[in-house]
Amino acid sequence: MTLQELAQSLHNCQHCKLAKLGRTQVVFGVGNPNAQVMFVGEGPGFNEDRQGEPFVGAAGKLLNELLQSAGLSRAEIYIANVVKCRPPNNRDPEPDEVETCKPFLFQQIDLIKPKLVCTLGRWSTETILERKVSITKIRGQVIRHNSLVVFPLLHPAAALHQGNLLPSLREDFGKLKHYLDQVNRESIAAPAPPASHPDKMQKIQMDLF
């Protein structure tokens, strides 16, 4: 199955009760299907539900600014959410909704195969790490879980609602940039492949990781 086929299969998803609780549309995800960095949020808000794209409201504007500070752009990353439909009144997703939608998120990750998954907020982080966490304690760290490399971050919306979190969020995107720069340097410095395969060396040098 391709990413596009998965999106089409969920176009009118009826797997959980969110389908009947006022959503406008399924918000599958958007971005580079071959992205090496993937961001995962919690769920669509009002603007995302209307436009069908994650992070397009005020939190999206802040995320765009933070991405730029880390040397990234929306065009080169992929963004998805734990749940694909807006919970009523922007409430937290309920456990049964997360459990129903989680396999589709992991299918997205499987198909995109990012080298790094940046989780935005507690819900996303707990879903990806499959355990309860304190986001304020593990934010800004590289965590290896199963086959994934995970980088938990505060949610931009939380930083907008609680201004005291914004400096921490900016600091963590600075750490993200440092990590990406370090991995990129290590990739470029990797030993050259045999001379009979010069195309592979070019791929290593051009590859973000």
C-alpha atoms as a PDB file:
ATOM      1  CA  MET A   1       0.000   0.000   0.000  1.00  0.00           C
ATOM      2  CA  THR A   2       1.209   3.520  -0.807  1.00  0.00           C
ATOM      3  CA  LEU A   3       0.715   6.612   1.337  1.00  0.00           C
ATOM      4  CA  GLN A   4      -1.817   7.912  -1.174  1.00  0.00           C
ATOM      5  CA  GLU A   5      -3.744   4.643  -1.080  1.00  0.00           C
ATOM      6  CA  LEU A   6      -3.816   4.747   2.719  1.00  0.00           C
ATOM      7  CA  ALA A   7      -5.128   8.315   2.601  1.00  0.00           C
ATOM      8  CA  GLN A   8      -7.839   7.313   0.134  1.00  0.00           C
ATOM      9  CA  SER A   9      -8.870   4.364   2.298  1.00  0.00           C
ATOM     10  CA  LEU A  10      -9.438   6.754   5.232  1.00  0.00           C
ATOM     11  CA  HIS A  11     -11.128   9.497   3.202  1.00  0.00           C
ATOM     12  CA  ASN A  12     -14.513   8.816   4.824  1.00  0.00           C
ATOM     13  CA  CYS A  13     -13.295   6.869   7.850  1.00  0.00           C
ATOM     14  CA  GLN A  14     -16.042   5.564  10.137  1.00  0.00           C
ATOM     15  CA  HIS A  15     -13.859   3.513  12.480  1.00  0.00           C
ATOM     16  CA  CYS A  16     -14.522   5.548  15.653  1.00  0.00           C
ATOM     17  CA  LYS A  17     -17.162   7.858  17.088  1.00  0.00           C
ATOM     18  CA  LEU A  18     -15.341  11.017  15.964  1.00  0.00           C
ATOM     19  CA  ALA A  19     -16.814  10.372  12.506  1.00  0.00           C
ATOM     20  CA  LYS A  20     -20.233  11.282  13.897  1.00  0.00           C
ATOM     21  CA  LEU A  21     -19.283  14.044  16.321  1.00  0.00           C
ATOM     22  CA  GLY A  22     -19.148  16.998  13.960  1.00  0.00           C
ATOM     23  CA  ARG A  23     -15.958  16.635  11.961  1.00  0.00           C
ATOM     24  CA  THR A  24     -15.849  18.317   8.548  1.00  0.00           C
ATOM     25  CA  GLN A  25     -13.317  15.944   7.040  1.00  0.00           C
ATOM     26  CA  VAL A  26     -10.516  13.508   7.788  1.00  0.00           C
ATOM     27  CA  VAL A  27      -7.186  15.305   8.187  1.00  0.00           C
ATOM     28  CA  PHE A  28      -4.758  12.628   7.035  1.00  0.00           C
ATOM     29  CA  GLY A  29      -1.444  14.474   6.920  1.00  0.00           C
ATOM     30  CA  VAL A  30       0.614  16.559   4.538  1.00  0.00           C
ATOM     31  CA  GLY A  31       4.175  16.982   3.329  1.00  0.00           C
ATOM     32  CA  ASN A  32       7.019  15.154   1.676  1.00  0.00           C
ATOM     33  CA  PRO A  33       6.157  11.422   1.400  1.00  0.00           C
ATOM     34  CA  ASN A  34       9.892  10.678   1.526  1.00  0.00           C
ATOM     35  CA  ALA A  35      10.596  12.998   4.451  1.00  0.00           C
ATOM     36  CA  GLN A  36      13.495  12.170   6.718  1.00  0.00           C
ATOM     37  CA  VAL A  37      11.938  14.205   9.543  1.00  0.00           C
ATOM     38  CA  MET A  38       8.299  13.640  10.492  1.00  0.00           C
ATOM     39  CA  PHE A  39       6.278  15.648  13.005  1.00  0.00           C
ATOM     40  CA  VAL A  40       3.323  14.140  14.848  1.00  0.00           C
ATOM     41  CA  GLY A  41       0.747  16.262  16.657  1.00  0.00           C
ATOM     42  CA  GLU A  42      -2.337  15.405  18.683  1.00  0.00           C
ATOM     43  CA  GLY A  43      -5.339  16.012  16.434  1.00  0.00           C
ATOM     44  CA  PRO A  44      -6.945  18.572  14.118  1.00  0.00           C
ATOM     45  CA  GLY A  45      -8.315  21.807  15.538  1.00  0.00           C
ATOM     46  CA  PHE A  46     -10.988  24.091  14.081  1.00  0.00           C
ATOM     47  CA  ASN A  47      -8.877  25.472  11.227  1.00  0.00           C
ATOM     48  CA  GLU A  48      -7.327  22.115  10.395  1.00  0.00           C
ATOM     49  CA  ASP A  49     -10.765  20.499  10.253  1.00  0.00           C
ATOM     50  CA  ARG A  50     -11.958  23.157   7.804  1.00  0.00           C
ATOM     51  CA  GLN A  51      -8.869  23.150   5.584  1.00  0.00           C
ATOM     52  CA  GLY A  52      -7.976  19.471   5.761  1.00  0.00           C
ATOM     53  CA  GLU A  53      -4.331  20.094   6.676  1.00  0.00           C
ATOM     54  CA  PRO A  54      -2.504  19.793  10.021  1.00  0.00           C
ATOM     55  CA  PHE A  55      -1.159  22.908  11.755  1.00  0.00           C
ATOM     56  CA  VAL A  56      -2.677  25.739   9.720  1.00  0.00           C
ATOM     57  CA  GLY A  57      -3.934  27.964  12.547  1.00  0.00           C
ATOM     58  CA  ALA A  58      -1.960  30.059  15.027  1.00  0.00           C
ATOM     59  CA  ALA A  59      -0.055  26.976  16.207  1.00  0.00           C
ATOM     60  CA  GLY A  60       0.819  26.272  12.584  1.00  0.00           C
ATOM     61  CA  LYS A  61       2.269  29.737  12.109  1.00  0.00           C
ATOM     62  CA  LEU A  62       4.400  29.273  15.198  1.00  0.00           C
ATOM     63  CA  LEU A  63       5.481  25.833  13.992  1.00  0.00           C
ATOM     64  CA  ASN A  64       6.553  27.294  10.635  1.00  0.00           C
ATOM     65  CA  GLU A  65       8.706  29.837  12.459  1.00  0.00           C
ATOM     66  CA  LEU A  66      10.238  27.153  14.673  1.00  0.00           C
ATOM     67  CA  LEU A  67      10.926  24.906  11.685  1.00  0.00           C
ATOM     68  CA  GLN A  68      12.776  27.736   9.982  1.00  0.00           C
ATOM     69  CA  SER A  69      14.876  28.275  13.106  1.00  0.00           C
ATOM     70  CA  ALA A  70      15.883  24.593  12.923  1.00  0.00           C
ATOM     71  CA  GLY A  71      16.806  24.822   9.247  1.00  0.00           C
ATOM     72  CA  LEU A  72      13.676  22.972   8.097  1.00  0.00           C
ATOM     73  CA  SER A  73      10.687  23.845   5.932  1.00  0.00           C
ATOM     74  CA  ARG A  74       7.165  22.478   5.575  1.00  0.00           C
ATOM     75  CA  ALA A  75       8.046  21.305   2.065  1.00  0.00           C
ATOM     76  CA  GLU A  76      10.712  18.849   3.249  1.00  0.00           C
ATOM     77  CA  ILE A  77       8.995  17.365   6.318  1.00  0.00           C
ATOM     78  CA  TYR A  78       5.798  15.391   6.813  1.00  0.00           C
ATOM     79  CA  ILE A  79       3.186  16.332   9.424  1.00  0.00           C
ATOM     80  CA  ALA A  80       0.440  14.076  10.763  1.00  0.00           C
ATOM     81  CA  ASN A  81      -1.632  13.706  13.924  1.00  0.00           C
ATOM     82  CA  VAL A  82      -2.417  10.881  16.329  1.00  0.00           C
ATOM     83  CA  VAL A  83      -6.137  11.170  15.498  1.00  0.00           C
ATOM     84  CA  LYS A  84      -7.270  12.207  12.033  1.00  0.00           C
ATOM     85  CA  CYS A  85     -10.600  13.796  13.010  1.00  0.00           C
ATOM     86  CA  ARG A  86     -11.269  16.826  15.185  1.00  0.00           C
ATOM     87  CA  PRO A  87     -12.514  15.974  18.690  1.00  0.00           C
ATOM     88  CA  PRO A  88     -15.550  18.104  19.671  1.00  0.00           C
ATOM     89  CA  ASN A  89     -14.620  21.505  21.108  1.00  0.00           C
ATOM     90  CA  ASN A  90     -10.928  20.594  20.748  1.00  0.00           C
ATOM     91  CA  ARG A  91     -11.114  18.252  23.729  1.00  0.00           C
ATOM     92  CA  ASP A  92      -8.343  15.696  24.277  1.00  0.00           C
ATOM     93  CA  PRO A  93      -8.703  12.527  22.226  1.00  0.00           C
ATOM     94  CA  GLU A  94     -10.259   9.716  24.251  1.00  0.00           C
ATOM     95  CA  PRO A  95      -8.360   6.432  24.721  1.00  0.00           C
ATOM     96  CA  ASP A  96     -10.612   4.434  22.387  1.00  0.00           C
ATOM     97  CA  GLU A  97     -10.198   7.085  19.666  1.00  0.00           C
ATOM     98  CA  VAL A  98      -6.406   6.984  20.005  1.00  0.00           C
ATOM     99  CA  GLU A  99      -6.346   3.187  19.935  1.00  0.00           C
ATOM    100  CA  THR A 100      -8.525   3.118  16.822  1.00  0.00           C
ATOM    101  CA  CYS A 101      -6.448   5.672  14.936  1.00  0.00           C
ATOM    102  CA  LYS A 102      -2.985   4.633  16.156  1.00  0.00           C
ATOM    103  CA  PRO A 103      -2.490   1.821  13.613  1.00  0.00           C
ATOM    104  CA  PHE A 104      -3.022   4.297  10.773  1.00  0.00           C
ATOM    105  CA  LEU A 105      -0.364   6.611  12.211  1.00  0.00           C
ATOM    106  CA  PHE A 106       2.117   3.737  12.450  1.00  0.00           C
ATOM    107  CA  GLN A 107       1.247   2.777   8.871  1.00  0.00           C
ATOM    108  CA  GLN A 108       2.113   6.332   7.823  1.00  0.00           C
ATOM    109  CA  ILE A 109       5.442   6.105   9.642  1.00  0.00           C
ATOM    110  CA  ASP A 110       6.088   2.704   8.043  1.00  0.00           C
ATOM    111  CA  LEU A 111       5.434   4.061   4.558  1.00  0.00           C
ATOM    112  CA  ILE A 112       7.371   7.332   4.971  1.00  0.00           C
ATOM    113  CA  LYS A 113      10.262   5.736   6.867  1.00  0.00           C
ATOM    114  CA  PRO A 114      11.529   8.939   8.506  1.00  0.00           C
ATOM    115  CA  LYS A 115      14.923   8.911  10.179  1.00  0.00           C
ATOM    116  CA  LEU A 116      13.536  11.076  13.000  1.00  0.00           C
ATOM    117  CA  VAL A 117      10.022  11.397  14.464  1.00  0.00           C
ATOM    118  CA  CYS A 118       9.385  14.652  16.348  1.00  0.00           C
ATOM    119  CA  THR A 119       6.420  14.312  18.672  1.00  0.00           C
ATOM    120  CA  LEU A 120       4.513  17.474  19.569  1.00  0.00           C
ATOM    121  CA  GLY A 121       2.978  17.329  23.032  1.00  0.00           C
ATOM    122  CA  ARG A 122       2.165  14.602  25.541  1.00  0.00           C
ATOM    123  CA  TRP A 123      -0.497  12.727  23.563  1.00  0.00           C
ATOM    124  CA  SER A 124       1.728  12.291  20.549  1.00  0.00           C
ATOM    125  CA  THR A 125       4.752  11.352  22.626  1.00  0.00           C
ATOM    126  CA  GLU A 126       2.878   8.763  24.680  1.00  0.00           C
ATOM    127  CA  THR A 127       1.351   7.248  21.540  1.00  0.00           C
ATOM    128  CA  ILE A 128       4.703   6.871  19.776  1.00  0.00           C
ATOM    129  CA  LEU A 129       6.642   5.708  22.863  1.00  0.00           C
ATOM    130  CA  GLU A 130       3.720   3.503  23.977  1.00  0.00           C
ATOM    131  CA  ARG A 131       3.994   4.542  27.623  1.00  0.00           C
ATOM    132  CA  LYS A 132       2.990   7.336  29.971  1.00  0.00           C
ATOM    133  CA  VAL A 133       5.446  10.238  30.045  1.00  0.00           C
ATOM    134  CA  SER A 134       5.958  13.700  31.469  1.00  0.00           C
ATOM    135  CA  ILE A 135       6.568  15.798  28.367  1.00  0.00           C
ATOM    136  CA  THR A 136       8.288  18.510  30.401  1.00  0.00           C
ATOM    137  CA  LYS A 137      10.838  15.953  31.650  1.00  0.00           C
ATOM    138  CA  ILE A 138      11.712  14.236  28.372  1.00  0.00           C
ATOM    139  CA  ARG A 139      11.363  17.142  25.924  1.00  0.00           C
ATOM    140  CA  GLY A 140      14.359  18.006  23.771  1.00  0.00           C
ATOM    141  CA  GLN A 141      15.987  14.564  24.075  1.00  0.00           C
ATOM    142  CA  VAL A 142      16.748  11.903  21.508  1.00  0.00           C
ATOM    143  CA  ILE A 143      14.964   8.685  22.477  1.00  0.00           C
ATOM    144  CA  ARG A 144      15.297   5.384  20.633  1.00  0.00           C
ATOM    145  CA  HIS A 145      12.171   3.236  20.740  1.00  0.00           C
ATOM    146  CA  ASN A 146      11.988   0.019  18.749  1.00  0.00           C
ATOM    147  CA  SER A 147      13.077   1.027  15.238  1.00  0.00           C
ATOM    148  CA  LEU A 148      12.266   4.741  15.724  1.00  0.00           C
ATOM    149  CA  VAL A 149      14.403   7.681  16.735  1.00  0.00           C
ATOM    150  CA  VAL A 150      12.063  10.036  18.607  1.00  0.00           C
ATOM    151  CA  PHE A 151      12.531  13.688  19.586  1.00  0.00           C
ATOM    152  CA  PRO A 152       9.749  14.867  21.959  1.00  0.00           C
ATOM    153  CA  LEU A 153       8.788  18.544  21.873  1.00  0.00           C
ATOM    154  CA  LEU A 154       6.228  20.709  23.605  1.00  0.00           C
ATOM    155  CA  HIS A 155       3.106  21.356  21.545  1.00  0.00           C
ATOM    156  CA  PRO A 156       3.082  24.803  19.865  1.00  0.00           C
ATOM    157  CA  ALA A 157      -0.538  25.331  20.938  1.00  0.00           C
ATOM    158  CA  ALA A 158       0.447  24.770  24.574  1.00  0.00           C
ATOM    159  CA  ALA A 159       3.184  27.382  24.221  1.00  0.00           C
ATOM    160  CA  LEU A 160       0.663  29.856  22.791  1.00  0.00           C
ATOM    161  CA  HIS A 161      -1.754  29.263  25.678  1.00  0.00           C
ATOM    162  CA  GLN A 162       0.990  29.301  28.305  1.00  0.00           C
ATOM    163  CA  GLY A 163       3.519  31.908  27.262  1.00  0.00           C
ATOM    164  CA  ASN A 164       6.045  30.717  29.846  1.00  0.00           C
ATOM    165  CA  LEU A 165       6.505  27.531  27.770  1.00  0.00           C
ATOM    166  CA  LEU A 166       7.543  29.388  24.622  1.00  0.00           C
ATOM    167  CA  PRO A 167      11.221  29.888  25.605  1.00  0.00           C
ATOM    168  CA  SER A 168      11.488  26.150  26.354  1.00  0.00           C
ATOM    169  CA  LEU A 169       9.945  25.294  22.990  1.00  0.00           C
ATOM    170  CA  ARG A 170      12.381  27.582  21.165  1.00  0.00           C
ATOM    171  CA  GLU A 171      15.260  26.082  23.138  1.00  0.00           C
ATOM    172  CA  ASP A 172      14.211  22.566  22.122  1.00  0.00           C
ATOM    173  CA  PHE A 173      14.057  23.491  18.445  1.00  0.00           C
ATOM    174  CA  GLY A 174      17.591  24.805  18.907  1.00  0.00           C
ATOM    175  CA  LYS A 175      18.544  21.368  20.248  1.00  0.00           C
ATOM    176  CA  LEU A 176      16.788  19.786  17.276  1.00  0.00           C
ATOM    177  CA  LYS A 177      18.869  21.892  14.886  1.00  0.00           C
ATOM    178  CA  HIS A 178      22.051  20.913  16.723  1.00  0.00           C
ATOM    179  CA  TYR A 179      21.121  17.217  16.467  1.00  0.00           C
ATOM    180  CA  LEU A 180      20.291  17.445  12.754  1.00  0.00           C
ATOM    181  CA  ASP A 181      23.520  19.340  12.061  1.00  0.00           C
ATOM    182  CA  GLN A 182      25.529  16.742  13.959  1.00  0.00           C
ATOM    183  CA  VAL A 183      23.918  13.807  12.123  1.00  0.00           C
ATOM    184  CA  ASN A 184      24.420  15.544   8.799  1.00  0.00           C
ATOM    185  CA  ARG A 185      28.133  16.093   9.536  1.00  0.00           C
ATOM    186  CA  GLU A 186      28.547  12.441  10.520  1.00  0.00           C
ATOM    187  CA  SER A 187      26.838  11.354   7.303  1.00  0.00           C
ATOM    188  CA  ILE A 188      29.093  13.501   5.131  1.00  0.00           C
ATOM    189  CA  ALA A 189      32.168  12.226   6.985  1.00  0.00           C
ATOM    190  CA  ALA A 190      31.149   8.576   6.532  1.00  0.00           C
ATOM    191  CA  PRO A 191      33.733   6.358   4.771  1.00  0.00           C
ATOM    192  CA  ALA A 192      33.526   6.413   0.997  1.00  0.00           C
ATOM    193  CA  PRO A 193      31.997   3.354  -0.668  1.00  0.00           C
ATOM    194  CA  PRO A 194      34.003   1.292  -3.183  1.00  0.00           C
ATOM    195  CA  ALA A 195      35.054   3.248  -6.263  1.00  0.00           C
ATOM    196  CA  SER A 196      32.816   1.078  -8.422  1.00  0.00           C
ATOM    197  CA  HIS A 197      29.742   2.743  -6.900  1.00  0.00           C
ATOM    198  CA  PRO A 198      30.313   6.511  -7.081  1.00  0.00           C
ATOM    199  CA  ASP A 199      26.562   7.137  -7.164  1.00  0.00           C
ATOM    200  CA  LYS A 200      26.258   5.844  -3.606  1.00  0.00           C
ATOM    201  CA  MET A 201      28.762   8.393  -2.332  1.00  0.00           C
ATOM    202  CA  GLN A 202      26.761  11.158  -3.969  1.00  0.00           C
ATOM    203  CA  LYS A 203      23.612   9.911  -2.212  1.00  0.00           C
ATOM    204  CA  ILE A 204      25.355   9.908   1.172  1.00  0.00           C
ATOM    205  CA  GLN A 205      26.569  13.463   0.696  1.00  0.00           C
ATOM    206  CA  MET A 206      23.191  14.769  -0.456  1.00  0.00           C
ATOM    207  CA  ASP A 207      21.228  12.858   2.154  1.00  0.00           C
ATOM    208  CA  LEU A 208      20.208  14.807   5.252  1.00  0.00           C
ATOM    209  CA  PHE A 209      21.294  11.910   7.380  1.00  0.00           C
END
